[in-house]
Amino acid sequence: MAKKLSDPKNTAEVIKKNEFAFKKKFGQNFLVDDRVLQRIVAGAGITKEDRVLEIGPGIGTLTQALCEAAGEVRAVEIDRDLIPILKETLSDYDNVEIINADVMDLELSSVFSGSFKVVANLPYYITTPIIMRLFESGADIESITVMVQKEVADRMQAAPGGKDYGALTLSVAYNAEAEIIANVPPNCFMPRPEVSSAVIRLKRHEKPPVAPKDPAYMFSVIRAAFSQRRKTLQNALSNDRSLGVTKDLISEALSELGLDQRIRGERLSLSQFSGLSDLLLEKRAG
């Protein structure tokens, strides 16, 4: 019988037995706290009716808990050295499939037919690209519950005007409702990371809260606004030639929205960015 990896002693034993060496390039930090595991599973609302995609299972600690709670689990692991270890630590479960792949290259809509949930202890060096990949994949993802660096979780649910507010905040707000469900100190991992972590649940919207005429253009405006966040919105947008708008057009749009000409992007809500992008498209078209 495979040992429960929520016990740090068992995790250490598996690592030693397999002579596993942590790879910094994959950002490997294994969770070794049962209370946090249960918070993740409960926070994600996993039941036997659910199918779950786990990203970066490591040696299978969270995977074991997911297998016990969910109907079906697919675990995607990039490190081929972990595959034989996962086959051993998950040998007691018949509802899991291990996939040796890079999730950034995986066709997510082919993992499951129909809806599924994503649960993961994400590598911190690639957190934002993975979340954006999940949003943009076209797969029927019901919710995303992930362990991330605490400061990234704060950015995901920040309010306009603060230092944490930015393009990631707005992308998350467009796609999902964000809620931090647990704060996790470094001593819950092996090896200990240098930063604190948080578990955040992103519940997908049935439809986005705003309906810009061209969502891709709206996000181009948002990225331009925050690429030079200390500049005024007017200067930041006019400096991005791909947007195709002049300072005068931007000034006109800001006036029509009742916004100060000196306003910075960090002050605008998602709804205001949607309205601004629509106006800029109209004015660009003449």
C-alpha atoms as a PDB file:
ATOM      1  CA  MET A   1       0.000   0.000   0.000  1.00  0.00           C
ATOM      2  CA  ALA A   2       1.320   3.447  -0.969  1.00  0.00           C
ATOM      3  CA  LYS A   3       2.074   5.693   1.994  1.00  0.00           C
ATOM      4  CA  LYS A   4       0.215   8.958   2.601  1.00  0.00           C
ATOM      5  CA  LEU A   5       2.485  11.763   1.477  1.00  0.00           C
ATOM      6  CA  SER A   6       0.756  14.317   3.687  1.00  0.00           C
ATOM      7  CA  ASP A   7       3.106  12.958   6.360  1.00  0.00           C
ATOM      8  CA  PRO A   8       6.461  14.766   5.884  1.00  0.00           C
ATOM      9  CA  LYS A   9       8.331  11.638   6.996  1.00  0.00           C
ATOM     10  CA  ASN A  10       6.819   9.653   4.138  1.00  0.00           C
ATOM     11  CA  THR A  11       7.666  12.381   1.647  1.00  0.00           C
ATOM     12  CA  ALA A  12      11.274  12.440   2.832  1.00  0.00           C
ATOM     13  CA  GLU A  13      11.400   8.650   2.581  1.00  0.00           C
ATOM     14  CA  VAL A  14      10.113   8.628  -1.013  1.00  0.00           C
ATOM     15  CA  ILE A  15      12.617  11.321  -2.030  1.00  0.00           C
ATOM     16  CA  LYS A  16      15.516   9.445  -0.415  1.00  0.00           C
ATOM     17  CA  LYS A  17      14.490   6.021  -1.750  1.00  0.00           C
ATOM     18  CA  ASN A  18      14.286   7.315  -5.329  1.00  0.00           C
ATOM     19  CA  GLU A  19      17.375   9.529  -4.973  1.00  0.00           C
ATOM     20  CA  PHE A  20      15.262  12.373  -6.310  1.00  0.00           C
ATOM     21  CA  ALA A  21      17.015  15.712  -6.785  1.00  0.00           C
ATOM     22  CA  PHE A  22      14.865  18.844  -6.755  1.00  0.00           C
ATOM     23  CA  LYS A  23      15.132  20.784 -10.016  1.00  0.00           C
ATOM     24  CA  LYS A  24      15.168  24.536  -9.602  1.00  0.00           C
ATOM     25  CA  LYS A  25      14.174  25.048 -13.243  1.00  0.00           C
ATOM     26  CA  PHE A  26      10.799  23.403 -12.496  1.00  0.00           C
ATOM     27  CA  GLY A  27      10.205  25.310  -9.252  1.00  0.00           C
ATOM     28  CA  GLN A  28       9.672  22.120  -7.256  1.00  0.00           C
ATOM     29  CA  ASN A  29       8.408  22.554  -3.688  1.00  0.00           C
ATOM     30  CA  PHE A  30       6.324  19.663  -2.352  1.00  0.00           C
ATOM     31  CA  LEU A  31       3.414  20.373  -0.001  1.00  0.00           C
ATOM     32  CA  VAL A  32       3.688  18.439   3.284  1.00  0.00           C
ATOM     33  CA  ASP A  33       0.779  19.720   5.377  1.00  0.00           C
ATOM     34  CA  ASP A  34      -2.445  17.704   5.541  1.00  0.00           C
ATOM     35  CA  ARG A  35      -4.545  20.639   6.766  1.00  0.00           C
ATOM     36  CA  VAL A  36      -3.593  22.690   3.737  1.00  0.00           C
ATOM     37  CA  LEU A  37      -4.320  19.730   1.440  1.00  0.00           C
ATOM     38  CA  GLN A  38      -7.810  19.425   2.863  1.00  0.00           C
ATOM     39  CA  ARG A  39      -8.375  23.176   2.544  1.00  0.00           C
ATOM     40  CA  ILE A  40      -7.470  22.982  -1.138  1.00  0.00           C
ATOM     41  CA  VAL A  41      -9.790  20.051  -1.844  1.00  0.00           C
ATOM     42  CA  ALA A  42     -12.654  21.551   0.173  1.00  0.00           C
ATOM     43  CA  GLY A  43     -12.099  25.027  -1.292  1.00  0.00           C
ATOM     44  CA  ALA A  44     -12.244  23.611  -4.812  1.00  0.00           C
ATOM     45  CA  GLY A  45     -15.529  21.900  -3.924  1.00  0.00           C
ATOM     46  CA  ILE A  46     -14.345  18.525  -5.218  1.00  0.00           C
ATOM     47  CA  THR A  47     -16.904  15.696  -5.149  1.00  0.00           C
ATOM     48  CA  LYS A  48     -17.157  12.254  -6.744  1.00  0.00           C
ATOM     49  CA  GLU A  49     -19.071  13.899  -9.591  1.00  0.00           C
ATOM     50  CA  ASP A  50     -16.008  15.938 -10.554  1.00  0.00           C
ATOM     51  CA  ARG A  51     -13.231  15.379 -13.026  1.00  0.00           C
ATOM     52  CA  VAL A  52     -10.019  17.150 -12.072  1.00  0.00           C
ATOM     53  CA  LEU A  53      -6.936  18.221 -13.985  1.00  0.00           C
ATOM     54  CA  GLU A  54      -3.926  18.598 -11.708  1.00  0.00           C
ATOM     55  CA  ILE A  55      -0.896  20.499 -12.975  1.00  0.00           C
ATOM     56  CA  GLY A  56       2.505  19.634 -11.519  1.00  0.00           C
ATOM     57  CA  PRO A  57       1.669  16.763  -9.144  1.00  0.00           C
ATOM     58  CA  GLY A  58       5.286  16.346  -8.021  1.00  0.00           C
ATOM     59  CA  ILE A  59       5.455  13.048  -6.132  1.00  0.00           C
ATOM     60  CA  GLY A  60       1.663  12.894  -5.778  1.00  0.00           C
ATOM     61  CA  THR A  61       0.851  14.487  -2.429  1.00  0.00           C
ATOM     62  CA  LEU A  62      -2.124  16.567  -3.567  1.00  0.00           C
ATOM     63  CA  THR A  63      -2.943  13.928  -6.169  1.00  0.00           C
ATOM     64  CA  GLN A  64      -3.652  11.357  -3.461  1.00  0.00           C
ATOM     65  CA  ALA A  65      -6.140  13.705  -1.793  1.00  0.00           C
ATOM     66  CA  LEU A  66      -7.769  14.495  -5.136  1.00  0.00           C
ATOM     67  CA  CYS A  67      -8.109  10.820  -6.042  1.00  0.00           C
ATOM     68  CA  GLU A  68      -9.934  10.192  -2.776  1.00  0.00           C
ATOM     69  CA  ALA A  69     -12.347  13.089  -3.314  1.00  0.00           C
ATOM     70  CA  ALA A  70     -12.924  13.193  -7.097  1.00  0.00           C
ATOM     71  CA  GLY A  71     -14.387  10.811  -9.634  1.00  0.00           C
ATOM     72  CA  GLU A  72     -11.499  11.072 -12.075  1.00  0.00           C
ATOM     73  CA  VAL A  73      -8.093  12.765 -12.018  1.00  0.00           C
ATOM     74  CA  ARG A  74      -5.604  13.527 -14.785  1.00  0.00           C
ATOM     75  CA  ALA A  75      -2.208  14.638 -13.467  1.00  0.00           C
ATOM     76  CA  VAL A  76       0.113  16.471 -15.872  1.00  0.00           C
ATOM     77  CA  GLU A  77       3.795  16.369 -14.882  1.00  0.00           C
ATOM     78  CA  ILE A  78       6.615  17.875 -16.965  1.00  0.00           C
ATOM     79  CA  ASP A  79       9.504  16.152 -15.116  1.00  0.00           C
ATOM     80  CA  ARG A  80       9.987  12.653 -16.553  1.00  0.00           C
ATOM     81  CA  ASP A  81      12.023  11.651 -13.490  1.00  0.00           C
ATOM     82  CA  LEU A  82       8.843  11.929 -11.399  1.00  0.00           C
ATOM     83  CA  ILE A  83       6.737   9.601 -13.560  1.00  0.00           C
ATOM     84  CA  PRO A  84       7.952   6.295 -12.036  1.00  0.00           C
ATOM     85  CA  ILE A  85       7.639   7.822  -8.554  1.00  0.00           C
ATOM     86  CA  LEU A  86       4.053   8.878  -9.271  1.00  0.00           C
ATOM     87  CA  LYS A  87       3.193   5.397 -10.530  1.00  0.00           C
ATOM     88  CA  GLU A  88       4.364   4.060  -7.181  1.00  0.00           C
ATOM     89  CA  THR A  89       2.777   6.655  -4.878  1.00  0.00           C
ATOM     90  CA  LEU A  90      -0.544   6.516  -6.748  1.00  0.00           C
ATOM     91  CA  SER A  91      -0.639   2.735  -7.153  1.00  0.00           C
ATOM     92  CA  ASP A  92      -3.631   2.408  -4.796  1.00  0.00           C
ATOM     93  CA  TYR A  93      -5.875   4.526  -7.019  1.00  0.00           C
ATOM     94  CA  ASP A  94      -7.615   3.403 -10.198  1.00  0.00           C
ATOM     95  CA  ASN A  95      -9.174   6.787 -11.020  1.00  0.00           C
ATOM     96  CA  VAL A  96      -5.993   8.634 -12.018  1.00  0.00           C
ATOM     97  CA  GLU A  97      -4.033   8.972 -15.243  1.00  0.00           C
ATOM     98  CA  ILE A  98      -0.496  10.386 -15.255  1.00  0.00           C
ATOM     99  CA  ILE A  99       0.433  12.481 -18.297  1.00  0.00           C
ATOM    100  CA  ASN A 100       4.090  13.333 -18.893  1.00  0.00           C
ATOM    101  CA  ALA A 101       3.781  16.663 -20.719  1.00  0.00           C
ATOM    102  CA  ASP A 102       4.251  20.403 -20.511  1.00  0.00           C
ATOM    103  CA  VAL A 103       0.820  21.881 -19.776  1.00  0.00           C
ATOM    104  CA  MET A 104       1.734  24.892 -21.927  1.00  0.00           C
ATOM    105  CA  ASP A 105       1.842  22.578 -24.958  1.00  0.00           C
ATOM    106  CA  LEU A 106      -1.084  20.337 -24.024  1.00  0.00           C
ATOM    107  CA  GLU A 107      -4.405  20.590 -25.876  1.00  0.00           C
ATOM    108  CA  LEU A 108      -6.507  21.097 -22.747  1.00  0.00           C
ATOM    109  CA  SER A 109      -9.874  20.578 -24.413  1.00  0.00           C
ATOM    110  CA  SER A 110      -8.778  17.018 -25.230  1.00  0.00           C
ATOM    111  CA  VAL A 111      -7.951  16.081 -21.619  1.00  0.00           C
ATOM    112  CA  PHE A 112     -11.619  15.647 -20.737  1.00  0.00           C
ATOM    113  CA  SER A 113     -14.780  15.793 -22.837  1.00  0.00           C
ATOM    114  CA  GLY A 114     -17.068  18.238 -21.087  1.00  0.00           C
ATOM    115  CA  SER A 115     -16.435  20.326 -18.003  1.00  0.00           C
ATOM    116  CA  PHE A 116     -13.704  19.784 -15.422  1.00  0.00           C
ATOM    117  CA  LYS A 117     -11.965  21.560 -12.565  1.00  0.00           C
ATOM    118  CA  VAL A 118      -8.297  22.491 -12.325  1.00  0.00           C
ATOM    119  CA  VAL A 119      -6.426  22.098  -9.036  1.00  0.00           C
ATOM    120  CA  ALA A 120      -2.694  22.678  -8.733  1.00  0.00           C
ATOM    121  CA  ASN A 121       0.301  23.685  -6.685  1.00  0.00           C
ATOM    122  CA  LEU A 122       1.736  25.804  -9.482  1.00  0.00           C
ATOM    123  CA  PRO A 123       5.453  26.407 -10.088  1.00  0.00           C
ATOM    124  CA  TYR A 124       5.863  30.055  -9.125  1.00  0.00           C
ATOM    125  CA  TYR A 125       8.151  30.939 -12.036  1.00  0.00           C
ATOM    126  CA  ILE A 126       5.383  30.255 -14.573  1.00  0.00           C
ATOM    127  CA  THR A 127       2.172  30.907 -12.609  1.00  0.00           C
ATOM    128  CA  THR A 128       0.779  33.743 -14.724  1.00  0.00           C
ATOM    129  CA  PRO A 129       1.447  32.109 -18.140  1.00  0.00           C
ATOM    130  CA  ILE A 130      -0.274  28.907 -16.968  1.00  0.00           C
ATOM    131  CA  ILE A 131      -3.343  30.743 -15.682  1.00  0.00           C
ATOM    132  CA  MET A 132      -3.590  32.746 -18.903  1.00  0.00           C
ATOM    133  CA  ARG A 133      -3.230  29.519 -20.886  1.00  0.00           C
ATOM    134  CA  LEU A 134      -6.120  27.996 -18.920  1.00  0.00           C
ATOM    135  CA  PHE A 135      -8.325  31.041 -19.548  1.00  0.00           C
ATOM    136  CA  GLU A 136      -7.528  31.184 -23.253  1.00  0.00           C
ATOM    137  CA  SER A 137      -7.565  27.428 -23.977  1.00  0.00           C
ATOM    138  CA  GLY A 138     -11.234  27.202 -24.903  1.00  0.00           C
ATOM    139  CA  ALA A 139     -11.570  24.175 -22.601  1.00  0.00           C
ATOM    140  CA  ASP A 140     -14.722  23.849 -20.471  1.00  0.00           C
ATOM    141  CA  ILE A 141     -13.056  24.678 -17.143  1.00  0.00           C
ATOM    142  CA  GLU A 142     -15.500  25.203 -14.290  1.00  0.00           C
ATOM    143  CA  SER A 143     -13.016  26.514 -11.742  1.00  0.00           C
ATOM    144  CA  ILE A 144      -9.292  26.875 -11.109  1.00  0.00           C
ATOM    145  CA  THR A 145      -8.014  26.390  -7.552  1.00  0.00           C
ATOM    146  CA  VAL A 146      -4.284  26.929  -7.290  1.00  0.00           C
ATOM    147  CA  MET A 147      -1.459  27.465  -4.852  1.00  0.00           C
ATOM    148  CA  VAL A 148       0.514  30.522  -5.924  1.00  0.00           C
ATOM    149  CA  GLN A 149       2.960  33.021  -4.474  1.00  0.00           C
ATOM    150  CA  LYS A 150       1.079  35.242  -2.005  1.00  0.00           C
ATOM    151  CA  GLU A 151       1.875  38.454  -3.863  1.00  0.00           C
ATOM    152  CA  VAL A 152       0.476  36.976  -7.093  1.00  0.00           C
ATOM    153  CA  ALA A 153      -2.744  35.979  -5.314  1.00  0.00           C
ATOM    154  CA  ASP A 154      -3.009  39.558  -4.022  1.00  0.00           C
ATOM    155  CA  ARG A 155      -2.601  40.872  -7.567  1.00  0.00           C
ATOM    156  CA  MET A 156      -5.379  38.620  -8.821  1.00  0.00           C
ATOM    157  CA  GLN A 157      -7.997  40.144  -6.556  1.00  0.00           C
ATOM    158  CA  ALA A 158      -6.642  43.691  -6.140  1.00  0.00           C
ATOM    159  CA  ALA A 159      -8.817  46.805  -6.273  1.00  0.00           C
ATOM    160  CA  PRO A 160      -8.208  49.711  -8.683  1.00  0.00           C
ATOM    161  CA  GLY A 161      -5.655  52.259  -7.524  1.00  0.00           C
ATOM    162  CA  GLY A 162      -3.407  49.969  -5.502  1.00  0.00           C
ATOM    163  CA  LYS A 163       0.124  48.806  -6.248  1.00  0.00           C
ATOM    164  CA  ASP A 164      -1.059  45.229  -6.843  1.00  0.00           C
ATOM    165  CA  TYR A 165      -3.653  46.235  -9.439  1.00  0.00           C
ATOM    166  CA  GLY A 166      -2.644  45.529 -13.009  1.00  0.00           C
ATOM    167  CA  ALA A 167      -3.169  43.595 -16.225  1.00  0.00           C
ATOM    168  CA  LEU A 168      -3.345  40.246 -14.389  1.00  0.00           C
ATOM    169  CA  THR A 169      -6.056  41.607 -12.070  1.00  0.00           C
ATOM    170  CA  LEU A 170      -8.172  42.673 -15.023  1.00  0.00           C
ATOM    171  CA  SER A 171      -7.684  39.430 -16.931  1.00  0.00           C
ATOM    172  CA  VAL A 172      -8.786  37.444 -13.885  1.00  0.00           C
ATOM    173  CA  ALA A 173     -11.785  39.754 -13.316  1.00  0.00           C
ATOM    174  CA  TYR A 174     -12.874  39.309 -16.948  1.00  0.00           C
ATOM    175  CA  ASN A 175     -12.697  35.519 -16.731  1.00  0.00           C
ATOM    176  CA  ALA A 176     -13.520  34.574 -13.155  1.00  0.00           C
ATOM    177  CA  GLU A 177     -14.487  35.507  -9.621  1.00  0.00           C
ATOM    178  CA  ALA A 178     -11.358  35.346  -7.432  1.00  0.00           C
ATOM    179  CA  GLU A 179     -11.234  34.431  -3.753  1.00  0.00           C
ATOM    180  CA  ILE A 180      -8.212  33.655  -1.572  1.00  0.00           C
ATOM    181  CA  ILE A 181      -9.195  30.628   0.529  1.00  0.00           C
ATOM    182  CA  ALA A 182      -5.969  29.982   2.460  1.00  0.00           C
ATOM    183  CA  ASN A 183      -2.646  31.602   3.287  1.00  0.00           C
ATOM    184  CA  VAL A 184       0.210  29.117   3.466  1.00  0.00           C
ATOM    185  CA  PRO A 185       3.564  29.719   5.241  1.00  0.00           C
ATOM    186  CA  PRO A 186       6.880  28.398   3.869  1.00  0.00           C
ATOM    187  CA  ASN A 187       7.149  25.634   6.504  1.00  0.00           C
ATOM    188  CA  CYS A 188       4.332  23.729   4.758  1.00  0.00           C
ATOM    189  CA  PHE A 189       6.664  22.784   1.899  1.00  0.00           C
ATOM    190  CA  MET A 190       9.707  20.634   1.266  1.00  0.00           C
ATOM    191  CA  PRO A 191      12.075  22.291   0.542  1.00  0.00           C
ATOM    192  CA  ARG A 192      10.905  25.556   2.073  1.00  0.00           C
ATOM    193  CA  PRO A 193      10.401  28.356  -0.465  1.00  0.00           C
ATOM    194  CA  GLU A 194      11.649  31.849   0.322  1.00  0.00           C
ATOM    195  CA  VAL A 195       8.184  33.366  -0.040  1.00  0.00           C
ATOM    196  CA  SER A 196       4.739  32.904   1.474  1.00  0.00           C
ATOM    197  CA  SER A 197       2.002  31.272  -0.563  1.00  0.00           C
ATOM    198  CA  ALA A 198      -1.767  31.417  -0.908  1.00  0.00           C
ATOM    199  CA  VAL A 199      -4.493  29.214  -2.334  1.00  0.00           C
ATOM    200  CA  ILE A 200      -6.843  31.122  -4.624  1.00  0.00           C
ATOM    201  CA  ARG A 201     -10.039  29.872  -6.254  1.00  0.00           C
ATOM    202  CA  LEU A 202     -11.024  31.296  -9.633  1.00  0.00           C
ATOM    203  CA  LYS A 203     -14.653  30.444 -10.376  1.00  0.00           C
ATOM    204  CA  ARG A 204     -15.283  30.934 -14.076  1.00  0.00           C
ATOM    205  CA  HIS A 205     -17.992  33.400 -15.112  1.00  0.00           C
ATOM    206  CA  GLU A 206     -20.822  31.984 -17.211  1.00  0.00           C
ATOM    207  CA  LYS A 207     -20.262  35.098 -19.318  1.00  0.00           C
ATOM    208  CA  PRO A 208     -17.784  37.970 -18.825  1.00  0.00           C
ATOM    209  CA  PRO A 209     -19.010  40.909 -16.700  1.00  0.00           C
ATOM    210  CA  VAL A 210     -18.300  43.319 -19.589  1.00  0.00           C
ATOM    211  CA  ALA A 211     -18.868  42.963 -23.330  1.00  0.00           C
ATOM    212  CA  PRO A 212     -16.291  44.999 -25.278  1.00  0.00           C
ATOM    213  CA  LYS A 213     -16.711  45.081 -29.045  1.00  0.00           C
ATOM    214  CA  ASP A 214     -13.249  43.532 -29.419  1.00  0.00           C
ATOM    215  CA  PRO A 215     -11.933  41.776 -26.260  1.00  0.00           C
ATOM    216  CA  ALA A 216      -8.489  41.306 -27.812  1.00  0.00           C
ATOM    217  CA  TYR A 217      -8.210  45.045 -28.466  1.00  0.00           C
ATOM    218  CA  MET A 218      -9.390  45.820 -24.923  1.00  0.00           C
ATOM    219  CA  PHE A 219      -6.597  43.679 -23.500  1.00  0.00           C
ATOM    220  CA  SER A 220      -4.097  45.345 -25.841  1.00  0.00           C
ATOM    221  CA  VAL A 221      -5.190  48.665 -24.331  1.00  0.00           C
ATOM    222  CA  ILE A 222      -4.867  47.218 -20.825  1.00  0.00           C
ATOM    223  CA  ARG A 223      -1.372  45.841 -21.470  1.00  0.00           C
ATOM    224  CA  ALA A 224      -0.264  49.162 -22.929  1.00  0.00           C
ATOM    225  CA  ALA A 225      -1.681  51.038 -19.929  1.00  0.00           C
ATOM    226  CA  PHE A 226       0.353  48.980 -17.485  1.00  0.00           C
ATOM    227  CA  SER A 227       3.517  48.586 -19.538  1.00  0.00           C
ATOM    228  CA  GLN A 228       4.392  52.111 -18.386  1.00  0.00           C
ATOM    229  CA  ARG A 229       2.202  52.353 -15.324  1.00  0.00           C
ATOM    230  CA  ARG A 230       3.812  55.515 -13.936  1.00  0.00           C
ATOM    231  CA  LYS A 231       2.921  57.422 -17.093  1.00  0.00           C
ATOM    232  CA  THR A 232      -0.489  58.958 -17.698  1.00  0.00           C
ATOM    233  CA  LEU A 233      -2.889  56.736 -19.600  1.00  0.00           C
ATOM    234  CA  GLN A 234      -2.779  59.171 -22.496  1.00  0.00           C
ATOM    235  CA  ASN A 235       1.001  58.913 -22.813  1.00  0.00           C
ATOM    236  CA  ALA A 236       1.164  55.152 -22.243  1.00  0.00           C
ATOM    237  CA  LEU A 237      -1.437  54.392 -24.925  1.00  0.00           C
ATOM    238  CA  SER A 238      -0.075  56.855 -27.490  1.00  0.00           C
ATOM    239  CA  ASN A 239       3.387  55.285 -27.099  1.00  0.00           C
ATOM    240  CA  ASP A 240       2.014  51.909 -28.238  1.00  0.00           C
ATOM    241  CA  ARG A 241       1.786  52.212 -32.004  1.00  0.00           C
ATOM    242  CA  SER A 242      -0.050  48.893 -32.351  1.00  0.00           C
ATOM    243  CA  LEU A 243      -3.170  50.519 -30.868  1.00  0.00           C
ATOM    244  CA  GLY A 244      -3.363  52.943 -33.788  1.00  0.00           C
ATOM    245  CA  VAL A 245      -4.516  55.975 -31.777  1.00  0.00           C
ATOM    246  CA  THR A 246      -3.106  59.450 -31.282  1.00  0.00           C
ATOM    247  CA  LYS A 247      -2.965  61.520 -28.121  1.00  0.00           C
ATOM    248  CA  ASP A 248      -5.807  63.660 -29.437  1.00  0.00           C
ATOM    249  CA  LEU A 249      -8.075  60.662 -29.969  1.00  0.00           C
ATOM    250  CA  ILE A 250      -7.243  59.316 -26.521  1.00  0.00           C
ATOM    251  CA  SER A 251      -7.954  62.752 -25.019  1.00  0.00           C
ATOM    252  CA  GLU A 252     -11.354  62.868 -26.727  1.00  0.00           C
ATOM    253  CA  ALA A 253     -12.229  59.378 -25.465  1.00  0.00           C
ATOM    254  CA  LEU A 254     -11.214  60.219 -21.896  1.00  0.00           C
ATOM    255  CA  SER A 255     -13.355  63.365 -22.000  1.00  0.00           C
ATOM    256  CA  GLU A 256     -16.392  61.432 -23.236  1.00  0.00           C
ATOM    257  CA  LEU A 257     -15.951  58.984 -20.365  1.00  0.00           C
ATOM    258  CA  GLY A 258     -15.658  61.831 -17.867  1.00  0.00           C
ATOM    259  CA  LEU A 259     -12.085  60.879 -16.941  1.00  0.00           C
ATOM    260  CA  ASP A 260      -9.244  63.232 -16.005  1.00  0.00           C
ATOM    261  CA  GLN A 261      -6.719  63.767 -18.798  1.00  0.00           C
ATOM    262  CA  ARG A 262      -3.904  62.991 -16.360  1.00  0.00           C
ATOM    263  CA  ILE A 263      -5.386  59.724 -15.098  1.00  0.00           C
ATOM    264  CA  ARG A 264      -3.232  56.601 -14.964  1.00  0.00           C
ATOM    265  CA  GLY A 265      -4.334  53.149 -16.038  1.00  0.00           C
ATOM    266  CA  GLU A 266      -4.272  51.829 -12.478  1.00  0.00           C
ATOM    267  CA  ARG A 267      -7.326  53.995 -11.703  1.00  0.00           C
ATOM    268  CA  LEU A 268      -9.622  52.451 -14.314  1.00  0.00           C
ATOM    269  CA  SER A 269     -12.013  49.592 -13.618  1.00  0.00           C
ATOM    270  CA  LEU A 270     -12.594  46.728 -16.054  1.00  0.00           C
ATOM    271  CA  SER A 271     -15.838  48.396 -17.140  1.00  0.00           C
ATOM    272  CA  GLN A 272     -14.018  51.662 -17.856  1.00  0.00           C
ATOM    273  CA  PHE A 273     -11.347  49.878 -19.887  1.00  0.00           C
ATOM    274  CA  SER A 274     -14.114  48.198 -21.873  1.00  0.00           C
ATOM    275  CA  GLY A 275     -15.763  51.550 -22.603  1.00  0.00           C
ATOM    276  CA  LEU A 276     -12.442  53.178 -23.437  1.00  0.00           C
ATOM    277  CA  SER A 277     -11.424  50.451 -25.884  1.00  0.00           C
ATOM    278  CA  ASP A 278     -14.792  50.699 -27.664  1.00  0.00           C
ATOM    279  CA  LEU A 279     -14.433  54.471 -28.023  1.00  0.00           C
ATOM    280  CA  LEU A 280     -10.859  54.188 -29.291  1.00  0.00           C
ATOM    281  CA  LEU A 281     -11.955  51.657 -31.918  1.00  0.00           C
ATOM    282  CA  GLU A 282     -14.709  53.999 -33.079  1.00  0.00           C
ATOM    283  CA  LYS A 283     -12.409  57.000 -33.258  1.00  0.00           C
ATOM    284  CA  ARG A 284      -9.650  55.036 -34.973  1.00  0.00           C
ATOM    285  CA  ALA A 285     -12.125  53.993 -37.660  1.00  0.00           C
ATOM    286  CA  GLY A 286     -13.054  57.655 -38.180  1.00  0.00           C
END
